[in-house]
Each structure stands twice: as structure tokens, then as C-alpha cells.
């Protein structure tokens, strides 16, 4: 799966993200890079992943996040069969 997205441009993007020094820089970079809807969608998927990892059920997650069942299913599939990206982040103290 990773090979599907990996190229020099994606490497440059991810390297740029790693160079961001603080939350303020992240906000400014992503404000320039993405639409508000794209940022909100990514944030929603991460929230869904958190709730799934807590053992919450689909209906509760949909109510809390406003995510569609398709989004919740996709995140669940990634948690179960993906590249462990969500798990890497969820395993760290983020707040």
C-alpha cells in the first residue's frame, strides 16, 4: 500500500511535515496546503480512530463525530489491516 503513494514529491511533503516545529507552524502550513474541509476530514478520521480504539460502537461514533458509516468502516479497516499509522499516533500521548 505504501508504494502506491511513495514518490519524491510525497517524500518531500512528509519531510516538510516532520520539520514543523510546533502546533502554530502546523496550523499555518496546513492552512496553506489544504482546504478547511480536507483538514476537518482528516481530524475527523483521527477522532474516529481514537473512539474505535476505545471500543466504541459505530452508532455512538457517528453521533459523537458526525462521521458517516463509510468513514467509520474505512478507519476500522485501516486499524485492522492497514499500515499501523493510526496505532503509532494513538499509542503516543498527544494531548
C-alpha atoms as a PDB file:
ATOM      1  CA  UNK A   1       0.000   0.000   0.000  1.00  0.00           C
ATOM      2  CA  UNK A   2       2.737   2.480   0.865  1.00  0.00           C
ATOM      3  CA  UNK A   3       4.406   2.013  -2.502  1.00  0.00           C
ATOM      4  CA  UNK A   4       1.198   3.255  -4.121  1.00  0.00           C
ATOM      5  CA  UNK A   5       1.764   6.753  -2.709  1.00  0.00           C
ATOM      6  CA  UNK A   6       5.530   6.844  -2.343  1.00  0.00           C
ATOM      7  CA  UNK A   7       7.495   9.098  -4.676  1.00  0.00           C
ATOM      8  CA  UNK A   8       9.882  12.044  -4.416  1.00  0.00           C
ATOM      9  CA  UNK A   9       7.052  14.589  -4.064  1.00  0.00           C
ATOM     10  CA  UNK A  10       5.357  12.660  -1.274  1.00  0.00           C
ATOM     11  CA  UNK A  11       8.710  12.196   0.471  1.00  0.00           C
ATOM     12  CA  UNK A  12       9.208  15.972   0.273  1.00  0.00           C
ATOM     13  CA  UNK A  13       5.737  16.604   1.703  1.00  0.00           C
ATOM     14  CA  UNK A  14       6.223  14.230   4.614  1.00  0.00           C
ATOM     15  CA  UNK A  15       9.707  15.618   5.290  1.00  0.00           C
ATOM     16  CA  UNK A  16       8.219  19.121   5.399  1.00  0.00           C
ATOM     17  CA  UNK A  17       5.634  17.955   7.933  1.00  0.00           C
ATOM     18  CA  UNK A  18       8.385  16.464  10.078  1.00  0.00           C
ATOM     19  CA  UNK A  19      10.228  19.810  10.018  1.00  0.00           C
ATOM     20  CA  UNK A  20       7.292  21.680  11.562  1.00  0.00           C
ATOM     21  CA  UNK A  21       8.337  22.869  14.987  1.00  0.00           C
ATOM     22  CA  UNK A  22       5.111  23.485  16.849  1.00  0.00           C
ATOM     23  CA  UNK A  23       1.323  23.499  16.671  1.00  0.00           C
ATOM     24  CA  UNK A  24       1.255  27.046  15.308  1.00  0.00           C
ATOM     25  CA  UNK A  25       3.504  26.102  12.399  1.00  0.00           C
ATOM     26  CA  UNK A  26       1.279  23.070  11.725  1.00  0.00           C
ATOM     27  CA  UNK A  27      -1.820  25.241  11.576  1.00  0.00           C
ATOM     28  CA  UNK A  28      -0.172  27.723   9.213  1.00  0.00           C
ATOM     29  CA  UNK A  29       1.269  25.036   6.939  1.00  0.00           C
ATOM     30  CA  UNK A  30      -1.938  23.028   6.676  1.00  0.00           C
ATOM     31  CA  UNK A  31      -3.998  26.206   6.222  1.00  0.00           C
ATOM     32  CA  UNK A  32      -1.896  26.946   3.142  1.00  0.00           C
ATOM     33  CA  UNK A  33      -1.762  23.338   1.952  1.00  0.00           C
ATOM     34  CA  UNK A  34      -5.330  22.069   2.416  1.00  0.00           C
ATOM     35  CA  UNK A  35      -8.885  23.286   2.324  1.00  0.00           C
ATOM     36  CA  UNK A  36     -10.760  23.615   5.591  1.00  0.00           C
ATOM     37  CA  UNK A  37     -12.878  20.606   4.580  1.00  0.00           C
ATOM     38  CA  UNK A  38      -9.776  18.464   3.968  1.00  0.00           C
ATOM     39  CA  UNK A  39      -8.297  19.360   7.357  1.00  0.00           C
ATOM     40  CA  UNK A  40     -11.607  18.732   9.131  1.00  0.00           C
ATOM     41  CA  UNK A  41     -11.977  15.360   7.348  1.00  0.00           C
ATOM     42  CA  UNK A  42      -8.512  14.229   8.458  1.00  0.00           C
ATOM     43  CA  UNK A  43      -9.172  15.382  12.014  1.00  0.00           C
ATOM     44  CA  UNK A  44     -12.499  13.551  11.999  1.00  0.00           C
ATOM     45  CA  UNK A  45     -10.862  10.297  10.840  1.00  0.00           C
ATOM     46  CA  UNK A  46      -8.291  10.531  13.635  1.00  0.00           C
ATOM     47  CA  UNK A  47     -11.076  11.111  16.163  1.00  0.00           C
ATOM     48  CA  UNK A  48     -12.946   8.093  14.767  1.00  0.00           C
ATOM     49  CA  UNK A  49      -9.772   6.007  15.155  1.00  0.00           C
ATOM     50  CA  UNK A  50      -9.468   7.109  18.789  1.00  0.00           C
ATOM     51  CA  UNK A  51     -13.055   6.147  19.525  1.00  0.00           C
ATOM     52  CA  UNK A  52     -12.748   2.794  17.737  1.00  0.00           C
ATOM     53  CA  UNK A  53      -9.613   2.009  19.698  1.00  0.00           C
ATOM     54  CA  UNK A  54     -11.592   2.704  22.886  1.00  0.00           C
ATOM     55  CA  UNK A  55     -14.113   0.068  21.780  1.00  0.00           C
ATOM     56  CA  UNK A  56     -16.934   2.468  20.958  1.00  0.00           C
ATOM     57  CA  UNK A  57     -19.670   1.241  18.597  1.00  0.00           C
ATOM     58  CA  UNK A  58     -20.452   2.679  15.159  1.00  0.00           C
ATOM     59  CA  UNK A  59     -23.684   4.418  16.180  1.00  0.00           C
ATOM     60  CA  UNK A  60     -22.016   6.139  19.116  1.00  0.00           C
ATOM     61  CA  UNK A  61     -19.048   7.205  16.965  1.00  0.00           C
ATOM     62  CA  UNK A  62     -21.359   8.573  14.279  1.00  0.00           C
ATOM     63  CA  UNK A  63     -23.278  10.548  16.890  1.00  0.00           C
ATOM     64  CA  UNK A  64     -20.121  11.962  18.523  1.00  0.00           C
ATOM     65  CA  UNK A  65     -18.179  12.781  15.353  1.00  0.00           C
ATOM     66  CA  UNK A  66     -20.793  13.202  12.650  1.00  0.00           C
ATOM     67  CA  UNK A  67     -18.817  10.715  10.532  1.00  0.00           C
ATOM     68  CA  UNK A  68     -20.634   8.562   8.013  1.00  0.00           C
ATOM     69  CA  UNK A  69     -20.750   4.802   8.382  1.00  0.00           C
ATOM     70  CA  UNK A  70     -18.493   4.606   5.310  1.00  0.00           C
ATOM     71  CA  UNK A  71     -15.852   6.760   7.006  1.00  0.00           C
ATOM     72  CA  UNK A  72     -16.073   4.769  10.230  1.00  0.00           C
ATOM     73  CA  UNK A  73     -15.801   1.499   8.286  1.00  0.00           C
ATOM     74  CA  UNK A  74     -12.775   2.749   6.373  1.00  0.00           C
ATOM     75  CA  UNK A  75     -10.984   3.821   9.536  1.00  0.00           C
ATOM     76  CA  UNK A  76     -11.845   0.499  11.181  1.00  0.00           C
ATOM     77  CA  UNK A  77     -10.422  -1.347   8.177  1.00  0.00           C
ATOM     78  CA  UNK A  78      -7.232   0.696   8.422  1.00  0.00           C
ATOM     79  CA  UNK A  79      -6.929  -0.070  12.125  1.00  0.00           C
ATOM     80  CA  UNK A  80      -7.344  -3.779  11.450  1.00  0.00           C
ATOM     81  CA  UNK A  81      -5.459  -4.251   8.183  1.00  0.00           C
ATOM     82  CA  UNK A  82      -3.622  -1.008   7.461  1.00  0.00           C
ATOM     83  CA  UNK A  83      -0.054   0.152   7.893  1.00  0.00           C
ATOM     84  CA  UNK A  84      -0.413   0.804  11.652  1.00  0.00           C
ATOM     85  CA  UNK A  85      -0.190   4.562  11.159  1.00  0.00           C
ATOM     86  CA  UNK A  86      -3.183   5.258  13.361  1.00  0.00           C
ATOM     87  CA  UNK A  87      -1.850   2.916  16.038  1.00  0.00           C
ATOM     88  CA  UNK A  88       1.529   4.677  16.038  1.00  0.00           C
ATOM     89  CA  UNK A  89      -0.152   8.011  16.739  1.00  0.00           C
ATOM     90  CA  UNK A  90      -2.771   6.678  19.148  1.00  0.00           C
ATOM     91  CA  UNK A  91      -0.027   4.995  21.156  1.00  0.00           C
ATOM     92  CA  UNK A  92       1.566   8.346  21.917  1.00  0.00           C
ATOM     93  CA  UNK A  93       0.462  10.984  24.363  1.00  0.00           C
ATOM     94  CA  UNK A  94      -0.941  13.589  22.008  1.00  0.00           C
ATOM     95  CA  UNK A  95      -2.580  15.997  24.415  1.00  0.00           C
END
